[in-house]
Amino acid sequence: MVQIHQFSPTVSYGDASSNQTLSLQRMIRGLGYESEIFCDRMPLHFEGRARPFGQHARYSAPENVLLLHFSLSYSPRVMAWLKEVPDRKVLVYHNITPAAFFAGVNHNALRAAQTGRRQLGELRALAGVGWGDSAFNVQELTEKGWTRTGVLPIVFEPQRYQMQADRQVLKRWQGRPNVLFVGRISPSKRIDDLILAFYHLKRSVRHDARLLLVGSAGGMEPYAAYLRALVERLQVADVVFAGHVSHAELVAYYQCANVYLSMSEHEGFCVPLLESMHFGLPVVAFKSSAVPETLGGSGVLLREKDHASVAELIGLLMEDGDLRSRITARQRERLEDFVPDRVQIRLQQLLRELGV
C-alpha cells in the first residue's frame, strides 16, 4: 500500500509548522496510511516522534508520497538527498519572510531567506506539485513557475488549548484591559507600529491598558533593542516583552487579553489569528499578505496604519459589548473552516489529484 511520509528540517513543540506536521501525520494515519516524520536536525525532545532523514531509505518507494515542509531554506545535504529520493514529492509551502526585512538586523536570516527563495525554483524540478497553506502562498509558487498547486489550510485543533492556564501569568496580568500580540519579535511583524498605536491608546483612550508582546526575540536583538528604545523615547508604560513562553503560559496570556492586535506586514497564514478566534478575542489586523484570507471576512481589517484611529477602535472594542459579541461570533464561524474534519476533506481531495 502507498505510504505518505513527511520531511521537515526540524520540529519543535509550539511551532506552527511543526504543529501542522504533527496534525497531518494524525490525519494521514487516520486515513489508513503508514506515515512517519523525517528531519534534518533532530531535537532530543522529539525522539520517538520523528526520525533522522537518513532513515528514510527503508520507507522509500516510487509509489510513496513525501510531503516536504518548507518555510526558510534547506541545507545542501538535504537538497542533495532529495535529488536521490524516488518517492513522489510534494512541497508544502509555509512561506518565507522577504529577505529585506532582515537587512541590518540578522545577516544569517537574510541569507537564508534569499537561499530559500532561490530553492523554490530548484524544488519545482524535484517536486513538481506544490501545496500552500493559503492561496497567498500558492500565488508565490505560481510566480516561481509552479503549475500543479493546491491549498491545504492549517489545521486548528481546539484540544491543544484545553489545559490548565499558567496561574502566575493569570495572577500577574488579569484585572486590567490588555492588548495582545503573539509572534516572533521580528521586523516583518512591525512591533513598532503596535507600540505607536498603544502609545495613543494609553495617552488618550485607556490609561489603564497594557500591551502584552508574547514571542522570542532570538536572532533579532538589534530590532528588539530598537523597540525598547522606542518605548523609552515615547515614555509609555505597561509595554510587556514576555519573550518565549510555555504552552500553559500562552493559554494564560490569551485568557488575560481583551483585544488581539496585529500590524504585521508579512504572514503566510498567521496562526495567532485562529488562536484569538478560539479564545473569543476580537481581532484587529492590518491588511497584508495572507491576513485577509485567514480572517475570511471576520475580525476588523485595517487598510491603513493610522495609529490614533487604531487606538480609538481598540477602546471601542473594549467598551462596546454588543460590537465585540458580533465580531467574535463571526470569528467563531470562520474558525470552523480549519477544524480537522474540514481540512481532512481537503487533504483527501489533494491526494486524489495525486492519484493516491
Foldseek 3Di string as FASTA:
>chain_A
DAAEEEEEQEADPPDQLNVQNVLVCVLRVVVPHHYAYEHCDYDPVCVVRHYHCVPCVVVADLAYEYEYEAEWADDPVVLVVLVVGNYAYEYEYFYYDALVQCVPFFVVSSVRNVRSLVVLLVVCVRHLEYEYQFVLRVVSSVVSPRDHYYHQHRADDVVLLPDAADPVLLVVQADFAEEEEEDELTSQQPVVLVVLLVLLLCPPFGVRYAYEYEEAPVSRVVSVVVSVVSCVVSVRPRYHDPHYDDSSNVSSVLLRHAAYETAGADGSADCVLLVNLVSLHAYEYEDHRCVCVNQVPAHHYDPDRPSNVVSVVSSCSNPDPVVSVVRSVSSNVSSVCNHSVNSSVVVVVSVVVVVD
